[in-house]
Protein backbone atom coordinates (compact mmCIF):
# COMPACT_ATOMS: atom_id res chain seq x y z
CA UNK A 1 221.50 89.34 164.82
CA UNK A 2 217.90 88.97 163.79
CA UNK A 3 217.71 85.60 165.54
CA UNK A 4 218.64 87.24 168.83
CA UNK A 5 215.86 89.77 168.51
CA UNK A 6 213.35 87.04 167.71
CA UNK A 7 214.41 84.88 170.59
CA UNK A 8 214.41 87.70 173.14
CA UNK A 9 210.91 88.87 172.19
CA UNK A 10 209.48 85.33 172.15
CA UNK A 11 209.27 84.97 175.99
CA UNK A 12 207.27 88.15 176.63
CA UNK A 13 204.97 87.37 173.68
CA UNK A 14 204.24 83.85 175.10
CA UNK A 15 203.68 85.26 178.58
CA UNK A 16 201.29 87.89 177.20
CA UNK A 17 199.42 85.21 175.27
CA UNK A 18 199.12 82.93 178.31
CA UNK A 19 197.92 85.79 180.51
CA UNK A 20 195.31 86.77 177.90
CA UNK A 21 194.16 83.13 177.56
CA UNK A 22 193.82 82.79 181.34
CA UNK A 23 191.96 86.07 181.61
CA UNK A 24 189.54 84.99 178.83
CA UNK A 25 188.95 81.63 180.50
CA UNK A 26 188.12 83.35 183.78
CA UNK A 27 185.71 85.71 182.05
CA UNK A 28 183.99 82.83 180.31
CA UNK A 29 183.71 80.85 183.53
CA UNK A 30 182.27 83.80 185.47
CA UNK A 31 179.77 84.82 182.75
CA UNK A 32 178.38 81.39 181.82
CA UNK A 33 175.24 80.56 183.83
CA UNK A 34 176.06 77.68 186.20
CA UNK A 35 175.16 76.53 189.68
CA UNK A 36 177.47 77.48 192.59
CA UNK A 37 179.01 74.02 193.04
CA UNK A 38 179.52 73.61 189.29
CA UNK A 39 181.22 77.02 189.02
CA UNK A 40 183.46 76.33 191.94
CA UNK A 41 184.43 73.04 190.40
CA UNK A 42 185.19 74.68 187.07
CA UNK A 43 187.27 77.37 188.81
CA UNK A 44 189.17 74.71 190.75
CA UNK A 45 189.94 72.83 187.55
CA UNK A 46 190.96 76.06 185.86
CA UNK A 47 193.31 76.93 188.73
CA UNK A 48 194.82 73.41 188.70
CA UNK A 49 195.51 73.61 184.90
CA UNK A 50 196.96 77.12 185.28
CA UNK A 51 199.27 75.85 188.04
CA UNK A 52 200.41 72.92 185.92
CA UNK A 53 201.04 75.19 182.95
CA UNK A 54 202.98 77.69 185.06
CA UNK A 55 205.08 74.85 186.43
CA UNK A 56 205.75 73.59 182.90
CA UNK A 57 206.73 77.07 181.76
CA UNK A 58 209.08 77.52 184.79
CA UNK A 59 210.72 74.16 183.98
CA UNK A 60 211.17 75.20 180.33
CA UNK A 61 212.65 78.50 181.38
CA UNK A 62 215.02 76.72 183.77
CA UNK A 63 216.19 74.36 181.06
CA UNK A 64 216.74 77.25 178.66
CA UNK A 65 218.71 79.17 181.28
CA UNK A 66 220.89 76.14 182.00
CA UNK A 67 221.57 75.74 178.28
CA UNK A 68 222.46 79.33 178.00
CA UNK A 69 224.94 79.03 180.91
CA UNK A 70 226.54 75.96 179.34
CA UNK A 71 226.97 77.70 176.02
CA UNK A 72 228.48 80.76 177.79
CA UNK A 73 230.98 78.58 179.60
CA UNK A 74 231.96 76.85 176.38
CA UNK A 75 232.31 80.22 174.56
CA UNK A 76 234.45 81.59 177.39
CA UNK A 77 236.69 78.51 177.11
CA UNK A 78 237.00 78.96 173.34
CA UNK A 79 237.81 82.60 173.79
CA UNK A 80 240.51 81.79 176.39
CA UNK A 81 242.07 79.20 174.12
CA UNK A 82 242.05 81.65 171.20
CA UNK A 83 243.67 84.36 173.28
CA UNK A 84 246.31 81.96 174.52
CA UNK A 85 246.97 80.82 170.93
CA UNK A 86 247.28 84.43 169.77
CA UNK A 87 249.67 85.23 172.63
CA UNK A 88 251.80 82.20 171.76
CA UNK A 89 251.86 83.27 168.15
CA UNK A 90 253.08 86.75 169.07
CA UNK A 91 255.82 85.34 171.29
CA UNK A 92 257.06 83.41 168.31
């Protein structure tokens, strides 16, 4: 039961960390003295990396979701077999 609580709170914790890191990077980029073209280049690079990271996180979430669906289908099949076996035992 403890594992379920840890797993369910991991996603929001990682999202909060990523949002804080992105916010900190933007603050640093905007407060560091740079020329206009250099700052725009840095912001473009930052946006590109954020987009790649978001894509990676979305892919990981999709894989986790698919894995959860597969385990649910397997568990439902096991439950059905168990119920059928129990019913057969009761019939004699």
